[in-house]
Amino acid sequence: MQVMVEISLYPLANQYIEPIKAFIERINSYPDVTIATCSTSTQISGDYAVVMQMLGTEMQRTHQAVGQAIFVAKFLNFDAMQSNQPQSAP
């Protein structure tokens, strides 16, 4: 199963840009996920187990480095093959 996660990071620190950049750089180092970053969030797509493990690892690293930080995320599970097929009308 595939998952797409849209995630935003809000470090509760005066110097908030560097923790955000560091988080994005780390998640971009994972070869088995697709990353798309925009001004307010990052979309991560890939195998459900891989993405969830990566997020757990990198969110923990951020909390350990920064202290308090807020992550806001939306999760969408999907099958890439089914998402390309037209939907039938009810």
N, C-alpha and C. Protein backbone atom coordinates (compact mmCIF):
# COMPACT_ATOMS: atom_id res chain seq x y z
N MET A 1 0.84 -1.17 0.00
CA MET A 1 0.00 0.00 0.00
C MET A 1 0.89 1.24 0.00
N GLN A 2 0.43 2.24 -0.71
CA GLN A 2 1.15 3.51 -0.80
C GLN A 2 0.50 4.54 0.13
N VAL A 3 1.28 5.55 0.52
CA VAL A 3 0.76 6.63 1.34
C VAL A 3 1.35 7.94 0.85
N MET A 4 0.56 9.00 0.98
CA MET A 4 1.05 10.35 0.72
C MET A 4 0.81 11.13 2.00
N VAL A 5 1.86 11.76 2.49
CA VAL A 5 1.77 12.55 3.72
C VAL A 5 2.12 13.99 3.38
N GLU A 6 1.26 14.91 3.78
CA GLU A 6 1.57 16.33 3.69
C GLU A 6 1.89 16.77 5.11
N ILE A 7 3.12 17.25 5.32
CA ILE A 7 3.57 17.56 6.67
C ILE A 7 4.17 18.95 6.74
N SER A 8 3.91 19.62 7.86
CA SER A 8 4.48 20.93 8.14
C SER A 8 5.14 20.86 9.51
N LEU A 9 6.24 21.56 9.67
CA LEU A 9 7.00 21.60 10.92
C LEU A 9 7.01 23.03 11.45
N TYR A 10 6.69 23.18 12.72
CA TYR A 10 6.71 24.47 13.39
C TYR A 10 7.57 24.35 14.65
N PRO A 11 8.88 24.59 14.55
CA PRO A 11 9.73 24.54 15.73
C PRO A 11 9.39 25.69 16.67
N LEU A 12 9.26 25.40 17.95
CA LEU A 12 8.98 26.45 18.94
C LEU A 12 10.32 26.98 19.45
N ALA A 13 11.00 27.70 18.56
CA ALA A 13 12.33 28.23 18.86
C ALA A 13 12.49 29.55 18.10
N ASN A 14 13.34 30.41 18.62
CA ASN A 14 13.61 31.69 17.95
C ASN A 14 14.24 31.46 16.58
N GLN A 15 15.15 30.52 16.49
CA GLN A 15 15.81 30.18 15.23
C GLN A 15 15.07 28.99 14.61
N TYR A 16 13.98 29.26 13.92
CA TYR A 16 13.13 28.18 13.42
C TYR A 16 13.44 27.73 12.00
N ILE A 17 14.13 28.54 11.21
CA ILE A 17 14.40 28.18 9.81
C ILE A 17 15.35 26.99 9.71
N GLU A 18 16.43 26.99 10.47
CA GLU A 18 17.43 25.91 10.37
C GLU A 18 16.86 24.53 10.70
N PRO A 19 16.05 24.36 11.76
CA PRO A 19 15.47 23.04 11.99
C PRO A 19 14.56 22.56 10.85
N ILE A 20 13.86 23.49 10.22
CA ILE A 20 13.01 23.12 9.09
C ILE A 20 13.87 22.67 7.92
N LYS A 21 14.90 23.44 7.60
CA LYS A 21 15.81 23.06 6.51
C LYS A 21 16.47 21.71 6.79
N ALA A 22 16.91 21.50 8.03
CA ALA A 22 17.56 20.23 8.39
C ALA A 22 16.61 19.05 8.22
N PHE A 23 15.35 19.21 8.65
CA PHE A 23 14.36 18.15 8.50
C PHE A 23 14.15 17.82 7.02
N ILE A 24 14.00 18.84 6.19
CA ILE A 24 13.77 18.63 4.76
C ILE A 24 15.00 17.96 4.11
N GLU A 25 16.19 18.39 4.47
CA GLU A 25 17.41 17.77 3.93
C GLU A 25 17.49 16.29 4.31
N ARG A 26 17.15 15.98 5.56
CA ARG A 26 17.22 14.57 6.00
C ARG A 26 16.21 13.71 5.26
N ILE A 27 14.96 14.19 5.12
CA ILE A 27 13.98 13.34 4.44
C ILE A 27 14.29 13.21 2.95
N ASN A 28 14.96 14.20 2.38
CA ASN A 28 15.38 14.09 0.98
C ASN A 28 16.48 13.07 0.78
N SER A 29 17.11 12.61 1.85
CA SER A 29 18.19 11.63 1.72
C SER A 29 17.67 10.20 1.62
N TYR A 30 16.37 10.00 1.79
CA TYR A 30 15.79 8.66 1.70
C TYR A 30 15.47 8.36 0.23
N PRO A 31 16.11 7.32 -0.34
CA PRO A 31 15.95 7.07 -1.78
C PRO A 31 14.61 6.44 -2.17
N ASP A 32 13.91 5.83 -1.22
CA ASP A 32 12.69 5.08 -1.56
C ASP A 32 11.40 5.88 -1.39
N VAL A 33 11.51 7.20 -1.22
CA VAL A 33 10.33 8.04 -1.10
C VAL A 33 10.43 9.19 -2.10
N THR A 34 9.28 9.74 -2.44
CA THR A 34 9.22 10.90 -3.33
C THR A 34 8.87 12.11 -2.49
N ILE A 35 9.63 13.18 -2.65
CA ILE A 35 9.46 14.38 -1.84
C ILE A 35 9.13 15.57 -2.75
N ALA A 36 8.14 16.36 -2.36
CA ALA A 36 7.82 17.62 -3.04
C ALA A 36 7.62 18.68 -1.96
N THR A 37 8.47 19.70 -1.98
CA THR A 37 8.42 20.73 -0.94
C THR A 37 7.89 22.04 -1.53
N CYS A 38 6.96 22.66 -0.80
CA CYS A 38 6.48 23.99 -1.18
C CYS A 38 6.70 24.92 0.01
N SER A 39 6.17 26.11 -0.03
CA SER A 39 6.49 27.11 0.99
C SER A 39 5.93 26.79 2.37
N THR A 40 4.85 26.03 2.46
CA THR A 40 4.25 25.78 3.77
C THR A 40 4.22 24.32 4.21
N SER A 41 4.54 23.41 3.30
CA SER A 41 4.49 21.99 3.66
C SER A 41 5.35 21.17 2.70
N THR A 42 5.52 19.92 3.08
CA THR A 42 6.25 18.97 2.25
C THR A 42 5.38 17.74 2.06
N GLN A 43 5.31 17.25 0.82
CA GLN A 43 4.56 16.03 0.52
C GLN A 43 5.55 14.89 0.37
N ILE A 44 5.27 13.81 1.08
CA ILE A 44 6.12 12.62 1.05
C ILE A 44 5.25 11.47 0.57
N SER A 45 5.69 10.77 -0.48
CA SER A 45 4.95 9.63 -1.02
C SER A 45 5.84 8.42 -1.10
N GLY A 46 5.24 7.25 -0.88
CA GLY A 46 5.99 6.01 -1.00
C GLY A 46 5.27 4.88 -0.31
N ASP A 47 5.99 3.77 -0.15
CA ASP A 47 5.45 2.61 0.54
C ASP A 47 5.08 3.00 1.97
N TYR A 48 3.91 2.58 2.41
CA TYR A 48 3.38 2.98 3.72
C TYR A 48 4.37 2.72 4.84
N ALA A 49 4.90 1.50 4.92
CA ALA A 49 5.82 1.15 6.02
C ALA A 49 7.10 1.98 5.96
N VAL A 50 7.63 2.22 4.78
CA VAL A 50 8.86 2.99 4.62
C VAL A 50 8.65 4.44 5.06
N VAL A 51 7.56 5.04 4.59
CA VAL A 51 7.27 6.44 4.93
C VAL A 51 7.04 6.59 6.43
N MET A 52 6.27 5.69 7.03
CA MET A 52 5.97 5.79 8.45
C MET A 52 7.23 5.61 9.30
N GLN A 53 8.08 4.68 8.92
CA GLN A 53 9.33 4.48 9.67
C GLN A 53 10.22 5.72 9.54
N MET A 54 10.34 6.25 8.33
CA MET A 54 11.15 7.44 8.09
C MET A 54 10.63 8.62 8.90
N LEU A 55 9.32 8.83 8.90
CA LEU A 55 8.74 9.93 9.66
C LEU A 55 9.00 9.78 11.15
N GLY A 56 8.83 8.59 11.68
CA GLY A 56 9.09 8.36 13.10
C GLY A 56 10.52 8.69 13.47
N THR A 57 11.45 8.23 12.65
CA THR A 57 12.87 8.49 12.90
C THR A 57 13.19 9.97 12.84
N GLU A 58 12.75 10.63 11.79
CA GLU A 58 13.11 12.03 11.57
C GLU A 58 12.35 13.00 12.47
N MET A 59 11.13 12.67 12.84
CA MET A 59 10.42 13.51 13.79
C MET A 59 11.09 13.42 15.16
N GLN A 60 11.50 12.22 15.56
CA GLN A 60 12.19 12.06 16.83
C GLN A 60 13.50 12.84 16.83
N ARG A 61 14.26 12.75 15.74
CA ARG A 61 15.52 13.50 15.65
C ARG A 61 15.28 15.00 15.79
N THR A 62 14.21 15.49 15.17
CA THR A 62 13.89 16.91 15.27
C THR A 62 13.55 17.29 16.71
N HIS A 63 12.72 16.49 17.36
CA HIS A 63 12.36 16.79 18.75
C HIS A 63 13.58 16.76 19.66
N GLN A 64 14.48 15.83 19.43
CA GLN A 64 15.69 15.76 20.25
C GLN A 64 16.60 16.96 20.02
N ALA A 65 16.69 17.42 18.79
CA ALA A 65 17.58 18.54 18.45
C ALA A 65 17.00 19.89 18.83
N VAL A 66 15.69 20.06 18.64
CA VAL A 66 15.07 21.37 18.80
C VAL A 66 14.40 21.53 20.16
N GLY A 67 13.96 20.45 20.73
CA GLY A 67 13.11 20.55 21.91
C GLY A 67 11.68 20.53 21.45
N GLN A 68 10.93 21.54 21.78
CA GLN A 68 9.52 21.54 21.40
C GLN A 68 9.35 21.96 19.94
N ALA A 69 8.56 21.16 19.25
CA ALA A 69 8.25 21.44 17.84
C ALA A 69 6.90 20.79 17.54
N ILE A 70 6.15 21.45 16.70
CA ILE A 70 4.84 20.94 16.30
C ILE A 70 4.94 20.41 14.88
N PHE A 71 4.43 19.20 14.66
CA PHE A 71 4.27 18.64 13.33
C PHE A 71 2.77 18.56 13.04
N VAL A 72 2.37 19.05 11.89
CA VAL A 72 0.98 18.93 11.45
C VAL A 72 1.02 18.11 10.16
N ALA A 73 0.25 17.01 10.14
CA ALA A 73 0.33 16.12 8.98
C ALA A 73 -1.06 15.63 8.57
N LYS A 74 -1.18 15.39 7.26
CA LYS A 74 -2.36 14.76 6.68
C LYS A 74 -1.88 13.51 5.96
N PHE A 75 -2.60 12.41 6.11
CA PHE A 75 -2.22 11.14 5.53
C PHE A 75 -3.30 10.67 4.57
N LEU A 76 -2.87 10.22 3.39
CA LEU A 76 -3.79 9.65 2.41
C LEU A 76 -3.20 8.33 1.93
N ASN A 77 -3.91 7.24 2.21
CA ASN A 77 -3.45 5.94 1.69
C ASN A 77 -4.07 5.73 0.32
N PHE A 78 -3.29 5.12 -0.57
CA PHE A 78 -3.80 4.88 -1.91
C PHE A 78 -3.00 3.77 -2.58
N ASP A 79 -3.59 3.22 -3.61
CA ASP A 79 -2.92 2.25 -4.46
C ASP A 79 -2.62 2.99 -5.76
N ALA A 80 -1.36 3.13 -6.10
CA ALA A 80 -0.95 3.90 -7.27
C ALA A 80 -1.63 3.39 -8.54
N MET A 81 -1.82 2.10 -8.67
CA MET A 81 -2.46 1.54 -9.86
C MET A 81 -3.93 1.95 -9.92
N GLN A 82 -4.64 1.92 -8.81
CA GLN A 82 -6.05 2.29 -8.81
C GLN A 82 -6.25 3.78 -9.00
N SER A 83 -5.32 4.60 -8.51
CA SER A 83 -5.51 6.04 -8.61
C SER A 83 -5.41 6.54 -10.05
N ASN A 84 -4.84 5.74 -10.96
CA ASN A 84 -4.73 6.12 -12.36
C ASN A 84 -5.92 5.66 -13.19
N GLN A 85 -6.82 4.89 -12.59
CA GLN A 85 -7.96 4.37 -13.32
C GLN A 85 -9.15 5.32 -13.16
N PRO A 86 -9.94 5.51 -14.21
CA PRO A 86 -11.10 6.40 -14.09
C PRO A 86 -12.12 5.83 -13.09
N GLN A 87 -12.77 6.73 -12.38
CA GLN A 87 -13.80 6.35 -11.41
C GLN A 87 -15.12 6.18 -12.15
N SER A 88 -15.89 5.17 -11.77
CA SER A 88 -17.20 4.98 -12.38
C SER A 88 -18.22 5.86 -11.69
N ALA A 89 -19.17 6.37 -12.44
CA ALA A 89 -20.22 7.22 -11.90
C ALA A 89 -21.22 6.38 -11.14
N PRO A 90 -21.79 6.94 -10.06
CA PRO A 90 -22.80 6.18 -9.27
C PRO A 90 -24.10 6.02 -10.02
